[in-house]
Amino acid sequence: MKYLKLFGVFLLLASCSTTQLVENWKNPDIDIYNPSKILIVGVTSNLEAREQFENKLKAEYESRGIEAVTGLEQFEASITSEKQSEEELKRLENNLIADGFDTILFTKVIGVEDKISYRNDYHQYDNTYRRFSEDYLKYQDAFYNPEYYNEYTVYHAETSMYCICPTKDRELIWKGYIDIIDPESVKETVNDYVRLVMVVLEEQQLTNPKPLIDETNTEAIK
């Protein structure tokens, strides 16, 4: 029943946003995980997109009672603008543990793909046509009509959650592969992506659920 519910959520989000969950993996040794202090890191050269993304995720975690810090707040600019050695990254991890962090949520774009599809109305022809003339009529616009095709871009992104708990093994807890389809607005894309990630993490019991607002108390305060 749990998996049916999760599948339904995926379909809902995929149908009304620019982001789609392609695949995700959860560590089979972990049933429930509640981070107490999480570092949020987005890897992109687009500073505006990174700032919006990290801040949006930070707000989502804080609304769930979890302390969250963005990479832009935590790191010096050189951390993301210069290559780091394995030893430097280990030292960075140890410093994070000393500062009370137990979790890192790490997001990056791992590929970009240009796609071409037929216009929707071309799919509505009867596939039982058997004559050359009918087949030719169906596809002849490919020769001269630029509107015959729809061109769009898909960004393949990956978000990973790592445990850096001092009393546990430092290991991967969850990984999700998410496609961002032909984004037009940074704000809308960030909102869609963050919403999808948080819904999946809640369903996988890898973050605290967002507390419900007591409407009765809210009305009393007003």
N, C-alpha and C. Protein backbone atom coordinates (compact mmCIF):
# COMPACT_ATOMS: atom_id res chain seq x y z
N MET A 1 0.84 -1.20 0.00
CA MET A 1 0.00 0.00 0.00
C MET A 1 0.87 1.25 0.00
N LYS A 2 1.97 1.20 0.77
CA LYS A 2 2.89 2.33 0.85
C LYS A 2 3.47 2.64 -0.52
N TYR A 3 3.83 1.58 -1.29
CA TYR A 3 4.45 1.79 -2.58
C TYR A 3 3.44 2.32 -3.60
N LEU A 4 2.19 1.89 -3.49
CA LEU A 4 1.15 2.43 -4.36
C LEU A 4 0.94 3.91 -4.10
N LYS A 5 0.95 4.30 -2.83
CA LYS A 5 0.80 5.70 -2.47
C LYS A 5 1.95 6.52 -3.02
N LEU A 6 3.18 5.99 -2.89
CA LEU A 6 4.35 6.68 -3.38
C LEU A 6 4.30 6.83 -4.89
N PHE A 7 3.89 5.77 -5.58
CA PHE A 7 3.78 5.81 -7.04
C PHE A 7 2.77 6.87 -7.47
N GLY A 8 1.67 6.96 -6.73
CA GLY A 8 0.66 7.96 -7.05
C GLY A 8 1.20 9.37 -6.89
N VAL A 9 1.99 9.61 -5.87
CA VAL A 9 2.60 10.93 -5.66
C VAL A 9 3.53 11.26 -6.82
N PHE A 10 4.31 10.27 -7.27
CA PHE A 10 5.23 10.51 -8.38
C PHE A 10 4.47 10.92 -9.63
N LEU A 11 3.37 10.22 -9.92
CA LEU A 11 2.58 10.54 -11.11
C LEU A 11 2.01 11.95 -11.01
N LEU A 12 1.54 12.32 -9.84
CA LEU A 12 0.97 13.65 -9.64
C LEU A 12 2.00 14.72 -9.90
N LEU A 13 3.19 14.58 -9.33
CA LEU A 13 4.22 15.59 -9.49
C LEU A 13 4.74 15.64 -10.91
N ALA A 14 4.86 14.47 -11.54
CA ALA A 14 5.38 14.44 -12.90
C ALA A 14 4.43 15.10 -13.87
N SER A 15 3.14 15.05 -13.58
CA SER A 15 2.16 15.57 -14.53
C SER A 15 1.96 17.07 -14.45
N CYS A 16 2.43 17.72 -13.39
CA CYS A 16 2.11 19.14 -13.24
C CYS A 16 3.34 19.99 -12.96
N SER A 17 4.53 19.51 -13.32
CA SER A 17 5.72 20.30 -13.04
C SER A 17 6.77 20.06 -14.11
N THR A 18 7.87 20.81 -14.01
CA THR A 18 8.97 20.65 -14.96
C THR A 18 9.93 19.56 -14.52
N THR A 19 9.70 18.94 -13.39
CA THR A 19 10.61 17.92 -12.88
C THR A 19 9.93 16.57 -12.78
N GLN A 20 10.71 15.52 -13.06
CA GLN A 20 10.20 14.16 -12.98
C GLN A 20 11.23 13.27 -12.30
N LEU A 21 10.77 12.48 -11.35
CA LEU A 21 11.64 11.52 -10.70
C LEU A 21 11.81 10.32 -11.63
N VAL A 22 13.04 10.06 -12.04
CA VAL A 22 13.32 8.96 -12.95
C VAL A 22 13.56 7.67 -12.17
N GLU A 23 14.34 7.80 -11.09
CA GLU A 23 14.69 6.62 -10.29
C GLU A 23 15.21 7.10 -8.95
N ASN A 24 15.03 6.29 -7.90
CA ASN A 24 15.64 6.63 -6.62
C ASN A 24 16.01 5.37 -5.88
N TRP A 25 16.99 5.50 -4.99
CA TRP A 25 17.52 4.37 -4.24
C TRP A 25 17.63 4.76 -2.77
N LYS A 26 17.20 3.87 -1.89
CA LYS A 26 17.30 4.09 -0.46
C LYS A 26 18.15 2.98 0.15
N ASN A 27 19.05 3.34 1.04
CA ASN A 27 19.89 2.37 1.73
C ASN A 27 19.00 1.34 2.44
N PRO A 28 19.11 0.06 2.08
CA PRO A 28 18.23 -0.95 2.68
C PRO A 28 18.46 -1.18 4.17
N ASP A 29 19.58 -0.70 4.68
CA ASP A 29 19.88 -0.87 6.11
C ASP A 29 19.25 0.23 6.96
N ILE A 30 18.60 1.20 6.33
CA ILE A 30 18.03 2.32 7.07
C ILE A 30 16.52 2.37 6.83
N ASP A 31 15.76 2.26 7.91
CA ASP A 31 14.30 2.36 7.80
C ASP A 31 13.84 3.81 7.94
N ILE A 32 14.27 4.44 9.03
CA ILE A 32 13.87 5.82 9.31
C ILE A 32 15.13 6.63 9.61
N TYR A 33 15.18 7.84 9.08
CA TYR A 33 16.32 8.71 9.33
C TYR A 33 15.82 10.13 9.52
N ASN A 34 16.20 10.73 10.63
CA ASN A 34 15.80 12.11 10.93
C ASN A 34 17.05 12.96 11.16
N PRO A 35 17.47 13.72 10.17
CA PRO A 35 18.65 14.57 10.35
C PRO A 35 18.40 15.63 11.41
N SER A 36 19.45 16.01 12.11
CA SER A 36 19.31 17.07 13.11
C SER A 36 19.94 18.38 12.64
N LYS A 37 21.02 18.27 11.86
CA LYS A 37 21.64 19.46 11.27
C LYS A 37 22.17 19.09 9.90
N ILE A 38 21.63 19.74 8.89
CA ILE A 38 21.92 19.33 7.51
C ILE A 38 22.59 20.44 6.72
N LEU A 39 23.57 20.07 5.93
CA LEU A 39 24.24 20.99 5.02
C LEU A 39 23.67 20.77 3.62
N ILE A 40 23.23 21.85 2.98
CA ILE A 40 22.62 21.77 1.65
C ILE A 40 23.57 22.37 0.63
N VAL A 41 23.98 21.55 -0.34
CA VAL A 41 24.94 22.01 -1.34
C VAL A 41 24.39 21.76 -2.74
N GLY A 42 24.34 22.81 -3.54
CA GLY A 42 23.98 22.69 -4.95
C GLY A 42 25.18 23.08 -5.79
N VAL A 43 25.53 22.25 -6.75
CA VAL A 43 26.70 22.52 -7.59
C VAL A 43 26.25 23.06 -8.94
N THR A 44 26.47 24.33 -9.17
CA THR A 44 26.19 24.97 -10.45
C THR A 44 26.95 26.28 -10.52
N SER A 45 27.31 26.65 -11.74
CA SER A 45 28.00 27.93 -11.92
C SER A 45 27.01 29.09 -11.94
N ASN A 46 25.71 28.78 -12.00
CA ASN A 46 24.66 29.80 -11.98
C ASN A 46 24.39 30.17 -10.51
N LEU A 47 24.99 31.25 -10.07
CA LEU A 47 24.90 31.63 -8.65
C LEU A 47 23.47 31.94 -8.23
N GLU A 48 22.69 32.57 -9.12
CA GLU A 48 21.31 32.89 -8.78
C GLU A 48 20.51 31.61 -8.54
N ALA A 49 20.66 30.64 -9.44
CA ALA A 49 19.93 29.38 -9.30
C ALA A 49 20.37 28.63 -8.04
N ARG A 50 21.67 28.64 -7.77
CA ARG A 50 22.17 27.94 -6.58
C ARG A 50 21.63 28.58 -5.30
N GLU A 51 21.65 29.90 -5.25
CA GLU A 51 21.18 30.59 -4.05
C GLU A 51 19.70 30.31 -3.81
N GLN A 52 18.90 30.38 -4.88
CA GLN A 52 17.46 30.11 -4.72
C GLN A 52 17.22 28.67 -4.30
N PHE A 53 17.95 27.75 -4.90
CA PHE A 53 17.77 26.33 -4.61
C PHE A 53 18.14 26.01 -3.16
N GLU A 54 19.33 26.44 -2.75
CA GLU A 54 19.78 26.14 -1.39
C GLU A 54 18.88 26.80 -0.35
N ASN A 55 18.48 28.03 -0.58
CA ASN A 55 17.62 28.74 0.38
C ASN A 55 16.24 28.11 0.47
N LYS A 56 15.72 27.64 -0.69
CA LYS A 56 14.40 27.00 -0.68
C LYS A 56 14.43 25.70 0.12
N LEU A 57 15.45 24.90 -0.09
CA LEU A 57 15.59 23.66 0.68
C LEU A 57 15.80 23.95 2.16
N LYS A 58 16.59 24.96 2.46
CA LYS A 58 16.82 25.35 3.85
C LYS A 58 15.50 25.70 4.53
N ALA A 59 14.67 26.47 3.85
CA ALA A 59 13.37 26.86 4.42
C ALA A 59 12.49 25.63 4.65
N GLU A 60 12.53 24.67 3.74
CA GLU A 60 11.73 23.45 3.89
C GLU A 60 12.17 22.66 5.11
N TYR A 61 13.45 22.53 5.31
CA TYR A 61 13.95 21.79 6.47
C TYR A 61 13.66 22.53 7.77
N GLU A 62 13.83 23.83 7.76
CA GLU A 62 13.56 24.61 8.98
C GLU A 62 12.08 24.54 9.36
N SER A 63 11.21 24.47 8.36
CA SER A 63 9.78 24.35 8.65
C SER A 63 9.44 23.00 9.29
N ARG A 64 10.36 22.06 9.19
CA ARG A 64 10.19 20.74 9.80
C ARG A 64 10.96 20.62 11.11
N GLY A 65 11.48 21.73 11.60
CA GLY A 65 12.20 21.73 12.87
C GLY A 65 13.61 21.21 12.79
N ILE A 66 14.21 21.22 11.59
CA ILE A 66 15.56 20.72 11.40
C ILE A 66 16.49 21.88 11.08
N GLU A 67 17.60 21.96 11.75
CA GLU A 67 18.57 23.02 11.49
C GLU A 67 19.22 22.77 10.13
N ALA A 68 19.25 23.79 9.31
CA ALA A 68 19.80 23.66 7.96
C ALA A 68 20.69 24.84 7.64
N VAL A 69 21.78 24.56 6.95
CA VAL A 69 22.74 25.59 6.54
C VAL A 69 23.05 25.37 5.07
N THR A 70 23.11 26.45 4.30
CA THR A 70 23.44 26.32 2.88
C THR A 70 24.95 26.29 2.68
N GLY A 71 25.35 25.72 1.55
CA GLY A 71 26.77 25.70 1.21
C GLY A 71 27.32 27.10 1.04
N LEU A 72 26.49 28.01 0.51
CA LEU A 72 26.94 29.39 0.33
C LEU A 72 27.21 30.07 1.67
N GLU A 73 26.48 29.67 2.71
CA GLU A 73 26.71 30.23 4.05
C GLU A 73 27.93 29.60 4.71
N GLN A 74 28.12 28.29 4.47
CA GLN A 74 29.12 27.53 5.21
C GLN A 74 30.52 27.63 4.62
N PHE A 75 30.59 27.64 3.29
CA PHE A 75 31.89 27.53 2.63
C PHE A 75 32.41 28.87 2.14
N GLU A 76 33.73 28.95 2.04
CA GLU A 76 34.35 30.07 1.34
C GLU A 76 34.14 29.85 -0.16
N ALA A 77 34.22 30.92 -0.92
CA ALA A 77 33.99 30.83 -2.37
C ALA A 77 34.95 29.86 -3.04
N SER A 78 36.17 29.74 -2.50
CA SER A 78 37.18 28.90 -3.11
C SER A 78 36.83 27.41 -3.07
N ILE A 79 35.95 27.02 -2.14
CA ILE A 79 35.58 25.61 -2.02
C ILE A 79 34.92 25.11 -3.30
N THR A 80 34.07 25.93 -3.90
CA THR A 80 33.36 25.51 -5.11
C THR A 80 33.98 26.04 -6.39
N SER A 81 34.85 27.01 -6.29
CA SER A 81 35.46 27.57 -7.49
C SER A 81 36.82 26.95 -7.80
N GLU A 82 37.38 26.19 -6.85
CA GLU A 82 38.68 25.55 -7.05
C GLU A 82 38.57 24.05 -6.78
N LYS A 83 39.42 23.28 -7.45
CA LYS A 83 39.42 21.83 -7.23
C LYS A 83 39.92 21.51 -5.83
N GLN A 84 39.31 20.48 -5.22
CA GLN A 84 39.69 20.07 -3.88
C GLN A 84 40.28 18.65 -3.93
N SER A 85 41.28 18.42 -3.12
CA SER A 85 41.87 17.08 -3.05
C SER A 85 41.05 16.21 -2.10
N GLU A 86 41.29 14.90 -2.14
CA GLU A 86 40.58 13.99 -1.25
C GLU A 86 40.87 14.32 0.22
N GLU A 87 42.11 14.67 0.51
CA GLU A 87 42.48 15.01 1.89
C GLU A 87 41.77 16.28 2.35
N GLU A 88 41.67 17.24 1.46
CA GLU A 88 40.99 18.49 1.80
C GLU A 88 39.51 18.25 2.08
N LEU A 89 38.89 17.37 1.29
CA LEU A 89 37.48 17.06 1.50
C LEU A 89 37.25 16.28 2.79
N LYS A 90 38.18 15.39 3.13
CA LYS A 90 38.09 14.66 4.41
C LYS A 90 38.20 15.63 5.58
N ARG A 91 39.10 16.58 5.45
CA ARG A 91 39.26 17.58 6.51
C ARG A 91 38.00 18.44 6.62
N LEU A 92 37.40 18.76 5.46
CA LEU A 92 36.16 19.52 5.45
C LEU A 92 35.04 18.74 6.15
N GLU A 93 34.95 17.44 5.87
CA GLU A 93 33.95 16.59 6.51
C GLU A 93 34.13 16.57 8.02
N ASN A 94 35.35 16.43 8.46
CA ASN A 94 35.63 16.39 9.90
C ASN A 94 35.26 17.72 10.56
N ASN A 95 35.49 18.81 9.87
CA ASN A 95 35.12 20.12 10.40
C ASN A 95 33.60 20.25 10.53
N LEU A 96 32.88 19.69 9.54
CA LEU A 96 31.42 19.73 9.59
C LEU A 96 30.90 18.93 10.78
N ILE A 97 31.49 17.77 11.00
CA ILE A 97 31.09 16.94 12.16
C ILE A 97 31.34 17.68 13.45
N ALA A 98 32.51 18.35 13.53
CA ALA A 98 32.84 19.12 14.74
C ALA A 98 31.85 20.26 14.95
N ASP A 99 31.26 20.77 13.87
CA ASP A 99 30.27 21.85 13.97
C ASP A 99 28.86 21.33 14.22
N GLY A 100 28.72 20.02 14.37
CA GLY A 100 27.40 19.46 14.71
C GLY A 100 26.59 18.95 13.54
N PHE A 101 27.12 18.99 12.33
CA PHE A 101 26.38 18.47 11.17
C PHE A 101 26.36 16.94 11.21
N ASP A 102 25.23 16.36 10.80
CA ASP A 102 25.17 14.90 10.67
C ASP A 102 24.73 14.46 9.28
N THR A 103 24.38 15.43 8.41
CA THR A 103 23.83 15.08 7.10
C THR A 103 24.26 16.09 6.05
N ILE A 104 24.51 15.60 4.85
CA ILE A 104 24.76 16.47 3.69
C ILE A 104 23.78 16.08 2.59
N LEU A 105 23.11 17.09 2.02
CA LEU A 105 22.25 16.88 0.86
C LEU A 105 22.94 17.56 -0.32
N PHE A 106 23.35 16.76 -1.28
CA PHE A 106 24.23 17.21 -2.35
C PHE A 106 23.54 17.05 -3.70
N THR A 107 23.41 18.16 -4.45
CA THR A 107 22.70 18.14 -5.73
C THR A 107 23.58 18.69 -6.84
N LYS A 108 23.54 18.01 -7.98
CA LYS A 108 24.30 18.49 -9.13
C LYS A 108 23.62 18.04 -10.43
N VAL A 109 23.90 18.75 -11.52
CA VAL A 109 23.46 18.35 -12.84
C VAL A 109 24.50 17.41 -13.41
N ILE A 110 24.07 16.22 -13.86
CA ILE A 110 25.03 15.22 -14.35
C ILE A 110 24.99 15.04 -15.86
N GLY A 111 24.07 15.76 -16.53
CA GLY A 111 24.01 15.66 -17.98
C GLY A 111 22.94 16.57 -18.55
N VAL A 112 23.12 16.94 -19.82
CA VAL A 112 22.16 17.77 -20.53
C VAL A 112 21.90 17.11 -21.88
N GLU A 113 20.62 17.05 -22.26
CA GLU A 113 20.26 16.35 -23.49
C GLU A 113 19.24 17.19 -24.28
N ASP A 114 19.55 17.42 -25.56
CA ASP A 114 18.61 18.10 -26.44
C ASP A 114 17.70 17.06 -27.07
N LYS A 115 16.40 17.31 -27.02
CA LYS A 115 15.42 16.35 -27.52
C LYS A 115 14.58 16.96 -28.63
N ILE A 116 14.06 16.09 -29.49
CA ILE A 116 13.14 16.51 -30.54
C ILE A 116 11.96 15.55 -30.52
N SER A 117 10.76 16.10 -30.57
CA SER A 117 9.56 15.26 -30.60
C SER A 117 8.61 15.77 -31.67
N TYR A 118 7.72 14.90 -32.13
CA TYR A 118 6.68 15.33 -33.06
C TYR A 118 5.66 16.18 -32.33
N ARG A 119 5.02 17.08 -33.06
CA ARG A 119 3.91 17.81 -32.48
C ARG A 119 2.82 16.83 -32.08
N ASN A 120 2.09 17.15 -31.04
CA ASN A 120 1.07 16.23 -30.52
C ASN A 120 0.05 15.81 -31.56
N ASP A 121 -0.34 16.73 -32.45
CA ASP A 121 -1.41 16.39 -33.38
C ASP A 121 -0.99 15.35 -34.41
N TYR A 122 0.32 15.16 -34.60
CA TYR A 122 0.76 14.15 -35.55
C TYR A 122 0.60 12.74 -34.99
N HIS A 123 0.45 12.62 -33.70
CA HIS A 123 0.25 11.30 -33.09
C HIS A 123 -1.20 10.85 -33.18
N GLN A 124 -2.07 11.71 -33.67
CA GLN A 124 -3.48 11.39 -33.66
C GLN A 124 -3.96 10.75 -34.96
N TYR A 125 -3.04 10.54 -35.89
CA TYR A 125 -3.42 9.87 -37.12
C TYR A 125 -3.71 8.40 -36.87
N ASP A 126 -4.52 7.82 -37.73
CA ASP A 126 -4.86 6.41 -37.63
C ASP A 126 -3.66 5.57 -38.06
N ASN A 127 -3.14 4.75 -37.16
CA ASN A 127 -1.96 3.96 -37.46
C ASN A 127 -2.22 2.78 -38.39
N THR A 128 -3.46 2.58 -38.81
CA THR A 128 -3.77 1.45 -39.68
C THR A 128 -3.63 1.80 -41.15
N TYR A 129 -3.16 3.00 -41.48
CA TYR A 129 -2.99 3.38 -42.89
C TYR A 129 -2.03 2.40 -43.57
N ARG A 130 -2.36 2.00 -44.78
CA ARG A 130 -1.55 1.03 -45.49
C ARG A 130 -1.07 1.55 -46.86
N ARG A 131 -1.53 2.71 -47.30
CA ARG A 131 -1.16 3.23 -48.60
C ARG A 131 -0.02 4.23 -48.48
N PHE A 132 0.83 4.25 -49.51
CA PHE A 132 1.95 5.18 -49.54
C PHE A 132 1.47 6.62 -49.45
N SER A 133 0.41 6.94 -50.19
CA SER A 133 -0.07 8.32 -50.24
C SER A 133 -0.50 8.81 -48.86
N GLU A 134 -1.14 7.93 -48.11
CA GLU A 134 -1.59 8.31 -46.77
C GLU A 134 -0.41 8.47 -45.84
N ASP A 135 0.57 7.57 -45.97
CA ASP A 135 1.77 7.65 -45.13
C ASP A 135 2.56 8.91 -45.43
N TYR A 136 2.67 9.24 -46.71
CA TYR A 136 3.40 10.44 -47.12
C TYR A 136 2.70 11.70 -46.61
N LEU A 137 1.39 11.74 -46.73
CA LEU A 137 0.63 12.89 -46.25
C LEU A 137 0.82 13.10 -44.76
N LYS A 138 0.98 12.00 -44.06
CA LYS A 138 1.13 12.06 -42.60
C LYS A 138 2.43 12.76 -42.20
N TYR A 139 3.50 12.53 -42.97
CA TYR A 139 4.82 13.01 -42.54
C TYR A 139 5.45 14.04 -43.47
N GLN A 140 4.75 14.50 -44.50
CA GLN A 140 5.38 15.37 -45.48
C GLN A 140 5.83 16.71 -44.90
N ASP A 141 5.22 17.15 -43.81
CA ASP A 141 5.62 18.43 -43.21
C ASP A 141 7.06 18.43 -42.74
N ALA A 142 7.65 17.26 -42.55
CA ALA A 142 9.04 17.18 -42.11
C ALA A 142 9.98 17.84 -43.10
N PHE A 143 9.55 17.94 -44.38
CA PHE A 143 10.40 18.53 -45.40
C PHE A 143 10.49 20.04 -45.30
N TYR A 144 9.38 20.69 -44.90
CA TYR A 144 9.35 22.15 -45.04
C TYR A 144 8.75 22.90 -43.86
N ASN A 145 8.14 22.22 -42.92
CA ASN A 145 7.44 22.91 -41.83
C ASN A 145 8.25 22.82 -40.54
N PRO A 146 8.86 23.92 -40.09
CA PRO A 146 9.67 23.86 -38.85
C PRO A 146 8.84 23.57 -37.62
N GLU A 147 7.51 23.78 -37.71
CA GLU A 147 6.66 23.50 -36.55
C GLU A 147 6.29 22.03 -36.44
N TYR A 148 6.80 21.24 -37.38
CA TYR A 148 6.54 19.79 -37.33
C TYR A 148 7.17 19.18 -36.09
N TYR A 149 8.27 19.76 -35.64
CA TYR A 149 9.01 19.24 -34.49
C TYR A 149 8.91 20.18 -33.30
N ASN A 150 8.95 19.61 -32.12
CA ASN A 150 9.13 20.38 -30.89
C ASN A 150 10.52 20.07 -30.36
N GLU A 151 11.33 21.10 -30.18
CA GLU A 151 12.67 20.92 -29.64
C GLU A 151 12.69 21.37 -28.18
N TYR A 152 13.32 20.60 -27.32
CA TYR A 152 13.39 20.96 -25.91
C TYR A 152 14.64 20.35 -25.28
N THR A 153 14.97 20.84 -24.10
CA THR A 153 16.19 20.40 -23.40
C THR A 153 15.82 19.73 -22.09
N VAL A 154 16.51 18.64 -21.79
CA VAL A 154 16.31 17.93 -20.53
C VAL A 154 17.62 17.96 -19.75
N TYR A 155 17.55 18.44 -18.51
CA TYR A 155 18.71 18.43 -17.62
C TYR A 155 18.56 17.24 -16.67
N HIS A 156 19.56 16.38 -16.65
CA HIS A 156 19.55 15.23 -15.77
C HIS A 156 20.27 15.60 -14.47
N ALA A 157 19.54 15.62 -13.38
CA ALA A 157 20.10 16.02 -12.09
C ALA A 157 20.10 14.84 -11.11
N GLU A 158 20.91 14.98 -10.10
CA GLU A 158 21.03 13.93 -9.09
C GLU A 158 21.14 14.58 -7.71
N THR A 159 20.33 14.12 -6.77
CA THR A 159 20.41 14.58 -5.39
C THR A 159 20.72 13.39 -4.50
N SER A 160 21.73 13.55 -3.66
CA SER A 160 22.17 12.47 -2.76
C SER A 160 22.17 12.95 -1.33
N MET A 161 21.76 12.06 -0.43
CA MET A 161 21.80 12.35 1.01
C MET A 161 22.86 11.46 1.66
N TYR A 162 23.79 12.10 2.36
CA TYR A 162 24.88 11.37 3.02
C TYR A 162 24.81 11.57 4.53
N CYS A 163 25.05 10.50 5.24
CA CYS A 163 25.19 10.58 6.70
C CYS A 163 26.66 10.81 7.02
N ILE A 164 26.96 11.83 7.84
CA ILE A 164 28.33 12.03 8.33
C ILE A 164 28.32 12.01 9.86
N CYS A 165 27.43 11.17 10.38
CA CYS A 165 27.28 11.07 11.83
C CYS A 165 28.56 10.53 12.45
N PRO A 166 29.03 11.15 13.53
CA PRO A 166 30.30 10.70 14.14
C PRO A 166 30.23 9.31 14.75
N THR A 167 29.04 8.84 15.11
CA THR A 167 28.90 7.53 15.75
C THR A 167 28.47 6.44 14.77
N LYS A 168 28.34 6.81 13.49
CA LYS A 168 27.92 5.83 12.49
C LYS A 168 28.87 5.87 11.30
N ASP A 169 28.73 4.88 10.41
CA ASP A 169 29.51 4.90 9.19
C ASP A 169 29.07 6.08 8.32
N ARG A 170 30.03 6.71 7.68
CA ARG A 170 29.71 7.80 6.77
C ARG A 170 29.29 7.17 5.45
N GLU A 171 28.01 7.21 5.16
CA GLU A 171 27.51 6.45 4.02
C GLU A 171 26.37 7.15 3.31
N LEU A 172 26.10 6.65 2.10
CA LEU A 172 24.99 7.14 1.32
C LEU A 172 23.68 6.61 1.88
N ILE A 173 22.74 7.52 2.10
CA ILE A 173 21.43 7.13 2.64
C ILE A 173 20.39 7.03 1.52
N TRP A 174 20.43 8.00 0.60
CA TRP A 174 19.43 8.04 -0.46
C TRP A 174 19.99 8.78 -1.66
N LYS A 175 19.54 8.34 -2.85
CA LYS A 175 19.92 9.03 -4.08
C LYS A 175 18.73 9.05 -5.02
N GLY A 176 18.47 10.22 -5.62
CA GLY A 176 17.38 10.35 -6.57
C GLY A 176 17.87 10.96 -7.87
N TYR A 177 17.43 10.37 -8.98
CA TYR A 177 17.74 10.91 -10.30
C TYR A 177 16.49 11.63 -10.81
N ILE A 178 16.65 12.90 -11.13
CA ILE A 178 15.51 13.75 -11.47
C ILE A 178 15.79 14.47 -12.78
N ASP A 179 14.81 14.43 -13.69
CA ASP A 179 14.92 15.16 -14.95
C ASP A 179 14.21 16.50 -14.84
N ILE A 180 14.89 17.53 -15.28
CA ILE A 180 14.31 18.87 -15.36
C ILE A 180 14.03 19.14 -16.84
N ILE A 181 12.76 19.27 -17.20
CA ILE A 181 12.36 19.29 -18.60
C ILE A 181 12.09 20.70 -19.09
N ASP A 182 12.93 21.14 -20.00
CA ASP A 182 12.78 22.43 -20.69
C ASP A 182 12.43 23.57 -19.73
N PRO A 183 13.29 23.84 -18.74
CA PRO A 183 12.96 24.88 -17.76
C PRO A 183 12.94 26.27 -18.39
N GLU A 184 12.00 27.08 -17.95
CA GLU A 184 11.88 28.45 -18.45
C GLU A 184 12.12 29.48 -17.36
N SER A 185 11.80 29.13 -16.11
CA SER A 185 11.95 30.05 -15.00
C SER A 185 12.76 29.39 -13.90
N VAL A 186 13.80 30.07 -13.43
CA VAL A 186 14.62 29.53 -12.34
C VAL A 186 13.76 29.30 -11.11
N LYS A 187 12.92 30.27 -10.78
CA LYS A 187 12.10 30.18 -9.56
C LYS A 187 11.15 28.99 -9.63
N GLU A 188 10.44 28.84 -10.75
CA GLU A 188 9.48 27.74 -10.87
C GLU A 188 10.18 26.39 -10.87
N THR A 189 11.32 26.31 -11.54
CA THR A 189 12.07 25.06 -11.59
C THR A 189 12.57 24.68 -10.21
N VAL A 190 13.10 25.65 -9.48
CA VAL A 190 13.58 25.40 -8.11
C VAL A 190 12.42 24.93 -7.24
N ASN A 191 11.29 25.60 -7.32
CA ASN A 191 10.14 25.21 -6.50
C ASN A 191 9.68 23.79 -6.81
N ASP A 192 9.61 23.45 -8.11
CA ASP A 192 9.19 22.11 -8.50
C ASP A 192 10.18 21.05 -8.01
N TYR A 193 11.46 21.34 -8.17
CA TYR A 193 12.50 20.37 -7.79
C TYR A 193 12.49 20.13 -6.28
N VAL A 194 12.47 21.20 -5.53
CA VAL A 194 12.50 21.08 -4.07
C VAL A 194 11.25 20.37 -3.56
N ARG A 195 10.10 20.72 -4.13
CA ARG A 195 8.86 20.08 -3.72
C ARG A 195 8.93 18.57 -3.96
N LEU A 196 9.44 18.17 -5.12
CA LEU A 196 9.55 16.75 -5.44
C LEU A 196 10.49 16.04 -4.48
N VAL A 197 11.66 16.62 -4.23
CA VAL A 197 12.64 16.00 -3.33
C VAL A 197 12.05 15.82 -1.93
N MET A 198 11.39 16.84 -1.41
CA MET A 198 10.87 16.76 -0.05
C MET A 198 9.73 15.75 0.07
N VAL A 199 8.88 15.67 -0.96
CA VAL A 199 7.79 14.68 -0.93
C VAL A 199 8.37 13.27 -0.91
N VAL A 200 9.38 13.03 -1.73
CA VAL A 200 9.97 11.69 -1.78
C VAL A 200 10.67 11.36 -0.47
N LEU A 201 11.42 12.30 0.09
CA LEU A 201 12.11 12.04 1.35
C LEU A 201 11.13 11.79 2.49
N GLU A 202 10.02 12.50 2.48
CA GLU A 202 9.00 12.24 3.51
C GLU A 202 8.41 10.84 3.34
N GLU A 203 8.10 10.47 2.09
CA GLU A 203 7.52 9.15 1.84
C GLU A 203 8.50 8.04 2.21
N GLN A 204 9.78 8.29 2.02
CA GLN A 204 10.81 7.30 2.35
C GLN A 204 11.21 7.35 3.83
N GLN A 205 10.57 8.22 4.59
CA GLN A 205 10.82 8.40 6.02
C GLN A 205 12.28 8.79 6.29
N LEU A 206 12.77 9.72 5.47
CA LEU A 206 14.15 10.20 5.60
C LEU A 206 14.20 11.67 6.03
N THR A 207 13.07 12.20 6.45
CA THR A 207 13.03 13.54 7.04
C THR A 207 11.76 13.67 7.86
N ASN A 208 11.77 14.60 8.78
CA ASN A 208 10.57 14.83 9.57
C ASN A 208 9.45 15.36 8.68
N PRO A 209 8.22 14.95 8.91
CA PRO A 209 7.10 15.52 8.14
C PRO A 209 6.87 16.97 8.55
N LYS A 210 6.32 17.72 7.63
CA LYS A 210 6.00 19.12 7.91
C LYS A 210 4.82 19.16 8.87
N PRO A 211 4.92 19.88 9.99
CA PRO A 211 3.82 19.90 10.95
C PRO A 211 2.58 20.57 10.38
N LEU A 212 1.42 20.03 10.73
CA LEU A 212 0.16 20.61 10.28
C LEU A 212 -0.15 21.87 11.07
N ILE A 213 -0.68 22.86 10.38
CA ILE A 213 -1.05 24.11 11.05
C ILE A 213 -2.40 23.92 11.72
N ASP A 214 -2.47 24.27 12.97
CA ASP A 214 -3.74 24.20 13.70
C ASP A 214 -4.59 25.40 13.32
N GLU A 215 -5.57 25.16 12.40
CA GLU A 215 -6.38 26.26 11.90
C GLU A 215 -7.22 26.91 13.01
N THR A 216 -7.61 26.12 14.02
CA THR A 216 -8.40 26.67 15.12
C THR A 216 -7.59 27.71 15.89
N ASN A 217 -6.35 27.34 16.21
CA ASN A 217 -5.48 28.27 16.95
C ASN A 217 -5.13 29.48 16.11
N THR A 218 -4.97 29.22 14.79
CA THR A 218 -4.65 30.33 13.90
C THR A 218 -5.76 31.37 13.87
N GLU A 219 -6.99 30.86 13.81
CA GLU A 219 -8.14 31.78 13.80
C GLU A 219 -8.23 32.54 15.12
N ALA A 220 -7.90 31.84 16.24
CA ALA A 220 -7.97 32.49 17.55
C ALA A 220 -6.95 33.62 17.66
N ILE A 221 -5.76 33.38 17.06
CA ILE A 221 -4.71 34.40 17.11
C ILE A 221 -5.13 35.63 16.33
N LYS A 222 -5.79 35.39 15.18
CA LYS A 222 -6.26 36.51 14.36
C LYS A 222 -7.32 37.32 15.11
